[in-house]
Amino acid sequence: MFERLSRSWQLVKASAAVLQQDRKLVLFPLISSMAMLAVLASFALPVMGWMVFSGGSDQGSAVADSTFYAIGFLFYLTQYFVIFFFNAALVGAAMIRLDGGTPTLADGLRLAASKWTSILGYAAIAATVGMVLRAISERVGFLGRIITGLLGAGWTVATYLVVPVLVARDVGPVEAVKESALILKRTWGENLVGQAGLGVAFALIQFFVVVLGVALVVGAGTSGSAILIVLSIVLTIGAVLLSFLVHGALSGIYAAALYRFATQNGNSQGFDTDALRSAFVVKA
């Protein structure tokens, strides 16, 4: 187990080295986050207005429930499309970099745009799964919620490489889901260990950033300077947001490198071939 964690950490460091060479890859999760906020606002404001207008009346509850689920599905669909689109742009740009090229922001966006129908199809599948799991969790007890949580985690695991598949191959969303699950099935799934490592590492980073930020704000508060207080708050929020963006960029680079090796057995610039090979040992 410790050996696998060590290998995964090597791959994470290699991902960080790629990001260091091409820092503009952070722009993809930044644009994605801004687009997601725009989508949230575009759905939240009309829904809030509708709720105020309806006044919480019980009349036509069946119609209201149907409308709620329809709006919920559209929200899931739109959010997933935004997430997958910019993730595809990130993975596409990362693959160009791993091939030794110098990708631009436009290169990644152009590649994602060329796959928009498949991305939309995958977003529809993910939205359906999300709505089904949510509906089940709302109608079952505590044990049922645990089961639906496990099902959701299993879906996340099985579809981890769907975006790299869509970017690298001319296949539909269903075929991409099948291929992602097949790659996971026939390997030890080192990518999961690496992603867990990334998650834990950045959770710790964000925790310490928040702690240091609170200490900074308290220190600024003792000075009695409003400018210092505002500045310390802005710096803390900025540091947390930056850690989220870097985490997103590293995740995309990591997934791109693992997929390329798992399917092509080729080299990825900046990644140790032996480490990649050890990450995908075929199960007996």
Protein backbone atom coordinates (compact mmCIF):
# COMPACT_ATOMS: atom_id res chain seq x y z
CA MET A 1 0.00 0.00 0.00
CA PHE A 2 2.77 2.41 0.94
CA GLU A 3 4.57 1.57 -2.31
CA ARG A 4 1.47 2.45 -4.31
CA LEU A 5 1.06 5.70 -2.39
CA SER A 6 4.68 6.52 -3.15
CA ARG A 7 4.17 5.86 -6.87
CA SER A 8 1.03 7.98 -6.89
CA TRP A 9 2.86 10.83 -5.19
CA GLN A 10 5.50 10.67 -7.92
CA LEU A 11 2.77 11.04 -10.52
CA VAL A 12 1.23 13.95 -8.61
CA LYS A 13 4.61 15.70 -8.51
CA ALA A 14 5.02 15.09 -12.25
CA SER A 15 1.58 16.68 -12.79
CA ALA A 16 2.72 19.68 -10.74
CA ALA A 17 5.86 19.94 -12.89
CA VAL A 18 3.72 20.04 -16.04
CA LEU A 19 1.54 22.76 -14.50
CA GLN A 20 4.68 24.68 -13.59
CA GLN A 21 5.68 24.63 -17.26
CA ASP A 22 2.22 25.67 -18.44
CA ARG A 23 0.56 27.77 -15.74
CA LYS A 24 -2.23 28.94 -18.03
CA LEU A 25 -3.84 25.52 -17.56
CA VAL A 26 -5.20 26.98 -14.30
CA LEU A 27 -7.39 29.25 -16.43
CA PHE A 28 -9.63 26.33 -17.43
CA PRO A 29 -10.92 25.60 -13.90
CA LEU A 30 -11.14 29.36 -13.31
CA ILE A 31 -13.40 29.91 -16.34
CA SER A 32 -15.36 26.78 -15.42
CA SER A 33 -15.99 28.11 -11.90
CA MET A 34 -17.16 31.47 -13.24
CA ALA A 35 -19.49 29.76 -15.72
CA MET A 36 -20.90 27.51 -12.99
CA LEU A 37 -21.68 30.55 -10.84
CA ALA A 38 -23.45 32.16 -13.81
CA VAL A 39 -25.52 29.00 -14.35
CA LEU A 40 -26.39 28.85 -10.65
CA ALA A 41 -27.57 32.45 -10.68
CA SER A 42 -29.58 31.96 -13.89
CA PHE A 43 -31.50 29.10 -12.25
CA ALA A 44 -31.67 30.33 -8.65
CA LEU A 45 -33.19 33.74 -9.37
CA PRO A 46 -36.15 32.49 -11.45
CA VAL A 47 -36.82 29.63 -9.00
CA MET A 48 -36.81 32.03 -6.06
CA GLY A 49 -39.18 34.31 -7.93
CA TRP A 50 -41.47 31.39 -8.76
CA MET A 51 -41.54 30.30 -5.11
CA VAL A 52 -42.42 33.82 -3.97
CA PHE A 53 -45.09 34.12 -6.65
CA SER A 54 -46.65 30.73 -5.80
CA GLY A 55 -46.60 31.64 -2.10
CA GLY A 56 -45.87 28.05 -1.08
CA SER A 57 -49.45 27.01 -1.98
CA ASP A 58 -50.26 23.31 -1.87
CA GLN A 59 -52.57 23.62 -4.85
CA GLY A 60 -51.34 21.72 -7.88
CA SER A 61 -48.63 20.03 -5.82
CA ALA A 62 -48.21 17.27 -8.42
CA VAL A 63 -47.61 19.86 -11.13
CA ALA A 64 -45.27 21.76 -8.81
CA ASP A 65 -43.29 18.59 -8.07
CA SER A 66 -43.02 17.80 -11.78
CA THR A 67 -41.87 21.34 -12.48
CA PHE A 68 -39.34 21.15 -9.66
CA TYR A 69 -37.84 17.92 -10.98
CA ALA A 70 -37.78 19.24 -14.54
CA ILE A 71 -35.95 22.39 -13.42
CA GLY A 72 -33.65 20.28 -11.27
CA PHE A 73 -32.77 18.07 -14.23
CA LEU A 74 -32.09 21.08 -16.45
CA PHE A 75 -29.87 22.55 -13.75
CA TYR A 76 -27.93 19.30 -13.38
CA LEU A 77 -27.62 19.02 -17.16
CA THR A 78 -26.34 22.57 -17.60
CA GLN A 79 -23.92 22.41 -14.69
CA TYR A 80 -22.52 19.05 -15.76
CA PHE A 81 -22.12 20.29 -19.32
CA VAL A 82 -20.14 23.30 -18.12
CA ILE A 83 -17.97 21.14 -15.86
CA PHE A 84 -17.29 18.48 -18.50
CA PHE A 85 -16.75 21.02 -21.29
CA PHE A 86 -14.01 22.93 -19.51
CA ASN A 87 -12.56 19.74 -18.07
CA ALA A 88 -12.34 18.42 -21.64
CA ALA A 89 -10.60 21.66 -22.67
CA LEU A 90 -8.13 21.22 -19.79
CA VAL A 91 -7.47 17.56 -20.57
CA GLY A 92 -7.08 18.32 -24.28
CA ALA A 93 -4.55 21.07 -23.59
CA ALA A 94 -2.74 18.80 -21.11
CA MET A 95 -2.49 16.06 -23.74
CA ILE A 96 -0.94 18.52 -26.18
CA ARG A 97 1.59 19.49 -23.51
CA LEU A 98 2.31 15.83 -22.71
CA ASP A 99 2.99 15.24 -26.41
CA GLY A 100 5.66 17.93 -26.22
CA GLY A 101 3.56 20.72 -27.70
CA THR A 102 2.74 24.17 -26.39
CA PRO A 103 -1.03 24.45 -26.07
CA THR A 104 -2.93 27.70 -25.91
CA LEU A 105 -6.21 28.42 -24.18
CA ALA A 106 -7.87 28.48 -27.60
CA ASP A 107 -6.49 25.02 -28.43
CA GLY A 108 -8.19 23.47 -25.43
CA LEU A 109 -11.48 25.29 -25.99
CA ARG A 110 -11.46 24.40 -29.69
CA LEU A 111 -10.93 20.73 -28.90
CA ALA A 112 -13.75 20.72 -26.35
CA ALA A 113 -16.05 22.53 -28.79
CA SER A 114 -15.42 19.82 -31.40
CA LYS A 115 -16.74 17.25 -28.89
CA TRP A 116 -19.69 19.26 -27.58
CA THR A 117 -22.38 16.79 -28.67
CA SER A 118 -20.69 13.88 -26.88
CA ILE A 119 -20.07 16.08 -23.85
CA LEU A 120 -23.75 17.07 -23.80
CA GLY A 121 -24.75 13.41 -24.06
CA TYR A 122 -22.51 12.49 -21.15
CA ALA A 123 -23.89 15.44 -19.17
CA ALA A 124 -27.41 14.10 -19.78
CA ILE A 125 -26.37 10.66 -18.50
CA ALA A 126 -24.70 12.14 -15.43
CA ALA A 127 -27.70 14.40 -14.76
CA THR A 128 -30.05 11.43 -14.97
CA VAL A 129 -27.93 9.39 -12.57
CA GLY A 130 -27.70 12.36 -10.21
CA MET A 131 -31.45 12.93 -10.23
CA VAL A 132 -32.22 9.23 -9.69
CA LEU A 133 -29.80 8.96 -6.76
CA ARG A 134 -31.19 12.15 -5.24
CA ALA A 135 -34.79 10.95 -5.60
CA ILE A 136 -33.90 7.63 -3.96
CA SER A 137 -32.02 9.28 -1.10
CA GLU A 138 -35.01 11.53 -0.37
CA ARG A 139 -37.33 8.54 -0.04
CA VAL A 140 -35.25 6.13 2.02
CA GLY A 141 -33.90 6.04 5.54
CA PHE A 142 -30.41 6.44 6.87
CA LEU A 143 -29.22 3.06 5.58
CA GLY A 144 -30.66 3.82 2.16
CA ARG A 145 -28.78 7.10 2.04
CA ILE A 146 -25.56 5.25 2.81
CA ILE A 147 -26.28 2.84 -0.04
CA THR A 148 -27.04 5.64 -2.49
CA GLY A 149 -23.85 7.37 -1.35
CA LEU A 150 -21.88 4.24 -2.16
CA LEU A 151 -23.61 3.96 -5.52
CA GLY A 152 -22.72 7.57 -6.24
CA ALA A 153 -19.10 6.94 -5.28
CA GLY A 154 -19.03 3.87 -7.51
CA TRP A 155 -20.38 5.88 -10.43
CA THR A 156 -17.73 8.54 -9.87
CA VAL A 157 -15.02 5.89 -9.85
CA ALA A 158 -16.28 4.11 -12.96
CA THR A 159 -16.55 7.34 -14.96
CA TYR A 160 -13.27 8.88 -13.83
CA LEU A 161 -11.67 8.58 -17.27
CA VAL A 162 -14.72 9.40 -19.39
CA VAL A 163 -13.56 12.93 -20.26
CA PRO A 164 -10.08 11.79 -21.43
CA VAL A 165 -11.81 9.10 -23.52
CA LEU A 166 -14.11 11.67 -25.12
CA VAL A 167 -11.17 13.97 -25.82
CA ALA A 168 -8.86 11.32 -27.27
CA ARG A 169 -11.37 9.27 -29.24
CA ASP A 170 -14.29 9.86 -31.56
CA VAL A 171 -16.86 7.95 -29.50
CA GLY A 172 -20.23 8.66 -27.97
CA PRO A 173 -20.93 9.14 -24.26
CA VAL A 174 -22.17 5.58 -23.66
CA GLU A 175 -19.06 4.07 -25.27
CA ALA A 176 -16.89 6.46 -23.24
CA VAL A 177 -18.52 5.35 -19.97
CA LYS A 178 -18.00 1.69 -20.92
CA GLU A 179 -14.35 2.26 -21.82
CA SER A 180 -13.66 4.19 -18.62
CA ALA A 181 -15.16 1.38 -16.54
CA LEU A 182 -13.25 -1.23 -18.56
CA ILE A 183 -9.92 0.51 -18.00
CA LEU A 184 -10.62 0.64 -14.28
CA LYS A 185 -11.72 -3.00 -14.22
CA ARG A 186 -8.59 -4.33 -15.86
CA THR A 187 -6.17 -2.23 -13.79
CA TRP A 188 -5.37 -1.70 -10.16
CA GLY A 189 -6.85 1.77 -10.36
CA GLU A 190 -3.79 3.69 -9.24
CA ASN A 191 -5.56 6.80 -10.46
CA LEU A 192 -7.94 6.51 -7.51
CA VAL A 193 -5.08 6.40 -5.04
CA GLY A 194 -3.54 9.42 -6.70
CA GLN A 195 -6.78 11.38 -6.71
CA ALA A 196 -7.30 10.54 -3.05
CA GLY A 197 -3.78 11.78 -2.39
CA LEU A 198 -4.49 14.99 -4.27
CA GLY A 199 -7.71 15.48 -2.31
CA VAL A 200 -6.09 14.93 1.06
CA ALA A 201 -3.10 17.12 0.21
CA PHE A 202 -5.23 20.06 -0.91
CA ALA A 203 -7.68 19.63 1.96
CA LEU A 204 -4.72 20.05 4.33
CA ILE A 205 -3.41 23.00 2.35
CA GLN A 206 -6.80 24.71 2.45
CA PHE A 207 -7.12 23.99 6.17
CA PHE A 208 -3.77 25.60 6.94
CA VAL A 209 -4.54 28.52 4.62
CA VAL A 210 -7.79 29.15 6.49
CA VAL A 211 -6.06 28.87 9.87
CA LEU A 212 -3.30 31.26 8.81
CA GLY A 213 -5.91 33.55 7.27
CA VAL A 214 -7.92 33.69 10.48
CA ALA A 215 -4.75 34.45 12.41
CA LEU A 216 -3.92 37.16 9.88
CA VAL A 217 -7.38 38.71 10.17
CA VAL A 218 -7.24 38.61 13.98
CA GLY A 219 -3.81 40.23 13.89
CA ALA A 220 -5.08 42.91 11.52
CA GLY A 221 -8.09 43.43 13.81
CA THR A 222 -5.84 44.17 16.76
CA SER A 223 -4.17 46.89 14.72
CA GLY A 224 -7.49 48.66 14.34
CA SER A 225 -6.83 49.30 10.64
CA ALA A 226 -9.84 48.64 8.40
CA ILE A 227 -7.58 48.52 5.35
CA LEU A 228 -5.42 45.77 6.87
CA ILE A 229 -8.51 43.79 7.90
CA VAL A 230 -10.02 43.94 4.41
CA LEU A 231 -6.66 43.14 2.81
CA SER A 232 -6.13 40.09 5.05
CA ILE A 233 -9.62 38.79 4.25
CA VAL A 234 -9.06 39.25 0.51
CA LEU A 235 -5.68 37.51 0.68
CA THR A 236 -7.15 34.56 2.58
CA ILE A 237 -10.05 34.12 0.15
CA GLY A 238 -7.67 34.47 -2.79
CA ALA A 239 -5.31 31.82 -1.40
CA VAL A 240 -8.17 29.35 -0.85
CA LEU A 241 -9.55 29.94 -4.35
CA LEU A 242 -6.07 29.53 -5.86
CA SER A 243 -5.64 26.18 -4.11
CA PHE A 244 -8.98 25.02 -5.57
CA LEU A 245 -7.93 26.08 -9.06
CA VAL A 246 -4.53 24.39 -8.81
CA HIS A 247 -6.19 21.23 -7.52
CA GLY A 248 -8.54 21.21 -10.51
CA ALA A 249 -5.70 21.75 -12.98
CA LEU A 250 -3.56 19.01 -11.45
CA SER A 251 -6.49 16.58 -11.51
CA GLY A 252 -6.96 17.15 -15.25
CA ILE A 253 -3.24 16.74 -16.01
CA TYR A 254 -3.09 13.60 -13.87
CA ALA A 255 -6.10 12.01 -15.59
CA ALA A 256 -4.72 12.86 -19.05
CA ALA A 257 -1.34 11.25 -18.35
CA LEU A 258 -2.84 8.10 -16.84
CA TYR A 259 -5.32 7.66 -19.69
CA ARG A 260 -2.65 8.11 -22.36
CA PHE A 261 -0.45 5.49 -20.79
CA ALA A 262 -3.28 3.06 -20.03
CA THR A 263 -4.52 3.08 -23.62
CA GLN A 264 -1.42 3.83 -25.70
CA ASN A 265 1.45 2.60 -23.51
CA GLY A 266 3.25 5.72 -24.64
CA ASN A 267 5.41 8.31 -22.97
CA SER A 268 4.09 11.51 -21.47
CA GLN A 269 6.59 14.34 -21.32
CA GLY A 270 7.57 14.99 -17.73
CA PHE A 271 6.25 11.65 -16.44
CA ASP A 272 8.44 8.71 -15.51
CA THR A 273 7.52 5.74 -17.70
CA ASP A 274 8.22 3.21 -14.94
CA ALA A 275 5.93 5.06 -12.54
CA LEU A 276 3.15 5.11 -15.12
CA ARG A 277 3.65 1.45 -15.92
CA SER A 278 3.45 0.51 -12.24
CA ALA A 279 0.23 2.50 -11.97
CA PHE A 280 -1.47 0.22 -14.47
CA VAL A 281 -0.63 -3.35 -13.58
CA VAL A 282 -3.14 -5.65 -15.22
CA LYS A 283 -5.09 -7.77 -12.77
CA ALA A 284 -4.49 -11.48 -12.88
